Protein backbone atom coordinates (compact mmCIF):
# COMPACT_ATOMS: atom_id res chain seq x y z
CA UNK A 1 0.88 -112.51 -146.43
CA UNK A 2 -1.11 -115.64 -147.32
CA UNK A 3 1.09 -117.92 -149.54
CA UNK A 4 -0.25 -119.13 -152.90
CA UNK A 5 -0.88 -122.60 -153.47
CA UNK A 6 0.89 -124.28 -156.20
CA UNK A 7 -0.78 -126.33 -158.75
CA UNK A 8 1.36 -129.64 -158.96
CA UNK A 9 -1.37 -131.15 -161.34
CA UNK A 10 -0.02 -133.42 -164.07
CA UNK A 11 -3.64 -133.92 -165.89
CA UNK A 12 -3.35 -134.33 -169.55
CA UNK A 13 -5.40 -131.92 -171.39
CA UNK A 14 -8.10 -133.52 -173.26
CA UNK A 15 -7.66 -133.85 -177.17
CA UNK A 16 -9.90 -131.25 -178.12
CA UNK A 17 -7.73 -128.86 -175.94
CA UNK A 18 -4.80 -129.56 -177.83
CA UNK A 19 -2.86 -126.71 -179.48
CA UNK A 20 -4.94 -124.71 -181.91
CA UNK A 21 -3.23 -125.21 -185.70
CA UNK A 22 -1.78 -128.46 -184.85
CA UNK A 23 -2.19 -131.70 -186.90
CA UNK A 24 -4.34 -133.03 -184.34
CA UNK A 25 -6.18 -129.83 -183.82
CA UNK A 26 -6.75 -130.23 -187.62
CA UNK A 27 -7.94 -133.95 -187.49
CA UNK A 28 -10.10 -133.57 -184.11
CA UNK A 29 -11.76 -130.40 -186.48
CA UNK A 30 -12.30 -132.91 -189.22
CA UNK A 31 -14.16 -135.66 -187.03
CA UNK A 32 -16.34 -133.16 -185.10
CA UNK A 33 -17.52 -132.02 -188.48
CA UNK A 34 -18.47 -135.47 -189.23
CA UNK A 35 -20.53 -135.76 -186.38
CA UNK A 36 -24.22 -136.40 -187.21
CA UNK A 37 -25.67 -137.87 -183.82
CA UNK A 38 -29.77 -138.16 -183.87
CA UNK A 39 -30.01 -138.24 -187.58
CA UNK A 40 -32.06 -141.00 -189.03
CA UNK A 41 -29.46 -143.65 -190.48
CA UNK A 42 -30.93 -143.72 -194.12
CA UNK A 43 -30.43 -139.73 -194.58
CA UNK A 44 -27.01 -139.89 -192.72
CA UNK A 45 -23.39 -140.67 -194.12
CA UNK A 46 -21.56 -139.02 -191.07
CA UNK A 47 -20.54 -140.22 -187.70
CA UNK A 48 -23.43 -141.35 -185.81
CA UNK A 49 -22.16 -142.86 -182.38
CA UNK A 50 -19.74 -141.33 -179.77
CA UNK A 51 -17.83 -144.87 -179.97
CA UNK A 52 -17.12 -144.25 -183.47
CA UNK A 53 -15.65 -140.59 -182.91
CA UNK A 54 -13.62 -141.94 -179.82
CA UNK A 55 -12.29 -144.58 -182.27
CA UNK A 56 -11.12 -142.09 -184.66
CA UNK A 57 -10.16 -139.80 -182.32
CA UNK A 58 -7.68 -142.42 -181.14
CA UNK A 59 -6.59 -143.50 -184.42
CA UNK A 60 -5.81 -139.83 -185.37
CA UNK A 61 -3.49 -139.25 -182.11
CA UNK A 62 -1.45 -142.18 -183.37
CA UNK A 63 -1.25 -141.02 -186.99
CA UNK A 64 -0.54 -137.21 -186.25
CA UNK A 65 2.53 -138.34 -183.90
CA UNK A 66 3.92 -140.27 -186.89
CA UNK A 67 3.53 -137.43 -189.28
CA UNK A 68 4.90 -134.96 -187.25
CA UNK A 69 7.93 -137.14 -186.47
CA UNK A 70 8.48 -138.56 -190.04
CA UNK A 71 7.55 -135.90 -192.38
CA UNK A 72 7.49 -132.69 -190.81
CA UNK A 73 4.24 -131.52 -192.17
CA UNK A 74 2.07 -128.79 -190.60
CA UNK A 75 -1.00 -129.27 -192.49
CA UNK A 76 -3.08 -132.47 -193.08
CA UNK A 77 -3.69 -130.89 -196.33
CA UNK A 78 -0.16 -132.03 -197.18
CA UNK A 79 -0.62 -135.74 -196.25
CA UNK A 80 -0.66 -138.12 -199.57
CA UNK A 81 -1.62 -141.43 -200.23
CA UNK A 82 1.71 -142.81 -199.81
CA UNK A 83 2.19 -141.14 -196.49
CA UNK A 84 -0.32 -142.97 -195.11
CA UNK A 85 0.77 -146.11 -196.91
CA UNK A 86 3.81 -145.84 -195.45
CA UNK A 87 2.44 -145.30 -192.07
CA UNK A 88 0.20 -148.46 -192.12
CA UNK A 89 3.23 -150.47 -193.11
CA UNK A 90 5.21 -149.03 -190.40
CA UNK A 91 2.15 -149.90 -187.95
CA UNK A 92 2.57 -153.39 -189.23
CA UNK A 93 6.11 -153.86 -188.89
CA UNK A 94 5.75 -153.06 -185.10
CA UNK A 95 3.43 -155.94 -184.93
CA UNK A 96 -0.06 -154.42 -184.71
CA UNK A 97 -2.91 -156.74 -185.46
CA UNK A 98 -4.99 -156.98 -188.49
CA UNK A 99 -7.89 -155.46 -186.84
CA UNK A 100 -5.96 -152.28 -185.50
CA UNK A 101 -4.67 -151.87 -188.87
CA UNK A 102 -8.14 -152.12 -190.72
CA UNK A 103 -9.38 -149.45 -187.86
CA UNK A 104 -6.48 -147.30 -188.98
CA UNK A 105 -7.17 -147.30 -192.35
CA UNK A 106 -10.95 -146.63 -191.85
CA UNK A 107 -10.12 -143.73 -189.85
CA UNK A 108 -7.65 -142.66 -192.68
CA UNK A 109 -9.99 -143.09 -195.29
CA UNK A 110 -12.81 -141.30 -193.73
CA UNK A 111 -10.90 -138.32 -192.37
CA UNK A 112 -8.72 -137.61 -195.48
CA UNK A 113 -10.58 -138.78 -198.35
CA UNK A 114 -8.52 -141.57 -199.78
CA UNK A 115 -9.41 -144.98 -201.55
CA UNK A 116 -9.39 -147.93 -199.23
CA UNK A 117 -8.36 -150.02 -202.32
CA UNK A 118 -5.06 -148.16 -202.72
CA UNK A 119 -4.31 -148.93 -199.10
CA UNK A 120 -3.55 -152.51 -198.83
CA UNK A 121 -3.48 -154.12 -195.31
CA UNK A 122 -3.18 -157.82 -194.20
CA UNK A 123 -6.34 -160.08 -194.12
CA UNK A 124 -7.93 -160.53 -190.95
CA UNK A 125 -7.47 -164.85 -190.37
CA UNK A 126 -8.96 -166.75 -187.97
CA UNK A 127 -5.84 -168.19 -186.57
CA UNK A 128 -4.51 -164.75 -185.45
CA UNK A 129 -7.92 -164.42 -183.30
CA UNK A 130 -7.41 -164.46 -179.51
CA UNK A 131 -10.31 -166.26 -178.37
CA UNK A 132 -12.89 -164.65 -175.89
CA UNK A 133 -10.21 -161.77 -175.62
CA UNK A 134 -8.83 -163.12 -172.56
CA UNK A 135 -9.11 -166.65 -170.64
CA UNK A 136 -11.92 -168.09 -169.10
CA UNK A 137 -12.28 -166.84 -165.55
CA UNK A 138 -14.29 -168.30 -162.39
CA UNK A 139 -17.08 -166.19 -162.15
CA UNK A 140 -18.42 -165.44 -158.61
CA UNK A 141 -21.90 -166.95 -157.52
CA UNK A 142 -23.64 -163.52 -157.35
CA UNK A 143 -22.83 -162.97 -161.05
CA UNK A 144 -24.16 -166.21 -162.28
CA UNK A 145 -27.53 -164.88 -163.47
CA UNK A 146 -25.99 -162.14 -165.51
CA UNK A 147 -23.35 -164.68 -167.09
CA UNK A 148 -26.55 -166.91 -167.89
CA UNK A 149 -28.42 -163.76 -169.57
CA UNK A 150 -25.08 -162.62 -171.49
CA UNK A 151 -24.86 -166.21 -172.79
CA UNK A 152 -28.45 -166.24 -174.05
CA UNK A 153 -28.59 -162.87 -175.48
CA UNK A 154 -24.90 -162.30 -176.94
CA UNK A 155 -24.98 -158.52 -175.97
CA UNK A 156 -21.70 -156.70 -176.10
CA UNK A 157 -20.44 -154.85 -173.01
CA UNK A 158 -22.00 -151.50 -173.52
CA UNK A 159 -25.02 -152.69 -174.63
CA UNK A 160 -25.68 -154.67 -171.45
CA UNK A 161 -24.15 -151.68 -169.31
CA UNK A 162 -27.04 -149.56 -171.16
CA UNK A 163 -29.88 -152.03 -171.02
CA UNK A 164 -33.03 -150.80 -169.09
CA UNK A 165 -36.00 -153.08 -167.76
CA UNK A 166 -38.43 -151.37 -170.26
CA UNK A 167 -36.12 -153.18 -172.71
CA UNK A 168 -36.57 -156.69 -172.21
CA UNK A 169 -40.02 -158.32 -173.56
CA UNK A 170 -40.65 -161.34 -170.89
CA UNK A 171 -43.40 -162.68 -172.68
CA UNK A 172 -42.05 -162.83 -176.02
CA UNK A 173 -38.43 -163.76 -174.75
CA UNK A 174 -36.67 -160.51 -176.55
CA UNK A 175 -34.23 -157.87 -175.92
CA UNK A 176 -34.41 -154.60 -177.45
CA UNK A 177 -30.95 -153.00 -178.31
CA UNK A 178 -31.58 -149.28 -178.31
CA UNK A 179 -28.13 -148.27 -178.86
CA UNK A 180 -25.59 -150.65 -180.41
CA UNK A 181 -22.70 -150.52 -182.26
CA UNK A 182 -22.69 -147.74 -184.90
CA UNK A 183 -26.01 -146.15 -182.87
CA UNK A 184 -28.01 -149.01 -184.49
CA UNK A 185 -30.65 -150.58 -182.61
CA UNK A 186 -32.03 -154.35 -183.06
CA UNK A 187 -34.25 -156.73 -181.30
CA UNK A 188 -32.47 -160.29 -180.20
CA UNK A 189 -34.33 -163.20 -179.64
CA UNK A 190 -32.94 -165.20 -176.32
CA UNK A 191 -31.97 -168.51 -176.59
CA UNK A 192 -33.19 -169.04 -173.31
CA UNK A 193 -35.97 -167.13 -172.00
CA UNK A 194 -35.84 -168.72 -168.39
CA UNK A 195 -32.67 -167.05 -167.63
CA UNK A 196 -34.75 -163.75 -166.99
CA UNK A 197 -36.31 -165.36 -164.06
CA UNK A 198 -33.13 -165.03 -162.38
CA UNK A 199 -32.17 -160.96 -162.73
CA UNK A 200 -34.98 -159.84 -160.74
CA UNK A 201 -36.32 -157.40 -163.13
CA UNK A 202 -39.79 -157.45 -160.94
CA UNK A 203 -37.88 -155.15 -158.33
CA UNK A 204 -36.76 -152.53 -161.21
CA UNK A 205 -38.48 -149.44 -162.56
CA UNK A 206 -38.91 -149.47 -166.57
CA UNK A 207 -35.58 -147.12 -166.99
CA UNK A 208 -33.48 -148.93 -164.53
CA UNK A 209 -30.50 -150.34 -165.68
CA UNK A 210 -31.01 -154.10 -165.73
CA UNK A 211 -27.42 -154.59 -164.21
CA UNK A 212 -25.50 -152.34 -161.85
CA UNK A 213 -22.42 -153.21 -162.30
CA UNK A 214 -20.62 -155.16 -165.23
CA UNK A 215 -17.22 -156.37 -163.79
CA UNK A 216 -14.37 -156.31 -166.20
CA UNK A 217 -13.65 -159.81 -165.14
CA UNK A 218 -16.85 -161.04 -166.66
CA UNK A 219 -15.48 -162.13 -170.17
CA UNK A 220 -18.42 -160.68 -172.41
CA UNK A 221 -17.00 -161.20 -175.57
CA UNK A 222 -16.47 -164.96 -174.67
CA UNK A 223 -20.07 -165.38 -173.83
CA UNK A 224 -20.97 -163.65 -176.80
CA UNK A 225 -19.27 -165.94 -178.86
CA UNK A 226 -20.72 -169.28 -177.02
CA UNK A 227 -24.25 -167.69 -178.26
CA UNK A 228 -22.85 -167.11 -181.79
CA UNK A 229 -21.86 -171.15 -181.68
CA UNK A 230 -25.03 -172.31 -180.02
CA UNK A 231 -27.50 -170.31 -182.07
CA UNK A 232 -25.96 -171.34 -185.38
CA UNK A 233 -26.29 -174.91 -184.11
CA UNK A 234 -30.22 -174.54 -183.30
CA UNK A 235 -30.69 -172.99 -187.19
CA UNK A 236 -28.38 -175.54 -188.83
CA UNK A 237 -29.00 -178.24 -186.82
CA UNK A 238 -25.65 -179.15 -186.28
CA UNK A 239 -22.35 -177.22 -185.13
CA UNK A 240 -20.27 -175.35 -187.66
CA UNK A 241 -18.04 -177.17 -189.97
CA UNK A 242 -20.24 -180.54 -189.42
CA UNK A 243 -19.80 -182.75 -192.44
CA UNK A 244 -22.80 -182.69 -194.89
CA UNK A 245 -24.63 -179.48 -194.03
CA UNK A 246 -26.24 -177.84 -197.03
CA UNK A 247 -24.68 -174.63 -198.17
CA UNK A 248 -28.04 -172.68 -198.57
CA UNK A 249 -28.66 -173.81 -194.96
CA UNK A 250 -25.12 -172.34 -193.61
CA UNK A 251 -25.30 -169.22 -195.32
CA UNK A 252 -28.91 -168.66 -194.04
CA UNK A 253 -27.84 -169.62 -190.57
CA UNK A 254 -24.74 -167.16 -190.78
CA UNK A 255 -26.69 -164.54 -191.93
CA UNK A 256 -28.97 -164.72 -188.93
CA UNK A 257 -26.17 -165.01 -186.25
CA UNK A 258 -24.82 -161.83 -187.94
CA UNK A 259 -27.90 -160.14 -187.31
CA UNK A 260 -28.44 -161.10 -183.81
CA UNK A 261 -24.99 -160.04 -183.05
CA UNK A 262 -25.51 -156.62 -184.41
CA UNK A 263 -23.27 -156.73 -187.40
CA UNK A 264 -26.25 -156.94 -189.75
CA UNK A 265 -27.15 -159.91 -192.27
CA UNK A 266 -24.13 -159.80 -194.40
CA UNK A 267 -20.83 -160.01 -192.36
CA UNK A 268 -20.58 -163.92 -192.79
CA UNK A 269 -16.91 -164.02 -192.95
CA UNK A 270 -16.62 -161.88 -190.02
CA UNK A 271 -18.87 -164.49 -188.28
CA UNK A 272 -17.34 -167.69 -189.21
CA UNK A 273 -13.73 -166.06 -188.51
CA UNK A 274 -14.32 -164.32 -185.02
CA UNK A 275 -17.01 -166.62 -183.35
CA UNK A 276 -17.50 -169.94 -184.73
CA UNK A 277 -13.93 -171.28 -186.05
């Protein structure tokens, strides 16, 4: 009689395969209900990008575990504002960053419908930011053309990974980002279009990826910060913080840098805190 092969797999279930009726199952159902992929931004109030959905799912896992352990609820409808405030306070006490707390609060208010003004969290401060998300590393010679392009474009990691040859206008020195953060698109003006001659676009078909591989060792955010600083200096005529800069010029330069980075033109404090200081 043939032996039956036993399954020793320890693979964890996908979040959406969690137990029906559980808190996390209810949370993922609410997230799924907010998905509005493919809808025009002007007519959309839901979640338009997979990245945002994954962020909310991740935040929900932590929150639902805490609720189960500390409140014993079996229905998300039982969660109130005081519970959310207590959760954020516990997260803060554990040493999590202001950025993570902000992410958690956004998820809670969006999914559960609470007012963010009633859930105060610490302000994000420049002194708490770890520059470049890691130390500067030595980059192999074969990746130097990629590094030069990242410094000239300021793209996020996933934007550079998804970039296709057709997205680059060599003559104009511009890059079209089709799927930026939040599903938004934008056109970036390269600081130095000569960097395009080093990435061999002429060997690629229009829909080929520009970069076959973007190693984890490449400090993309660090180059993004260098792009922001160089662009601000070009627009304002001096480095950020220089004495004598006209406030109006500074504000217009900050708005342009914010726009080029894909944050929109209104995230001036974010640009100052995370990219220029």
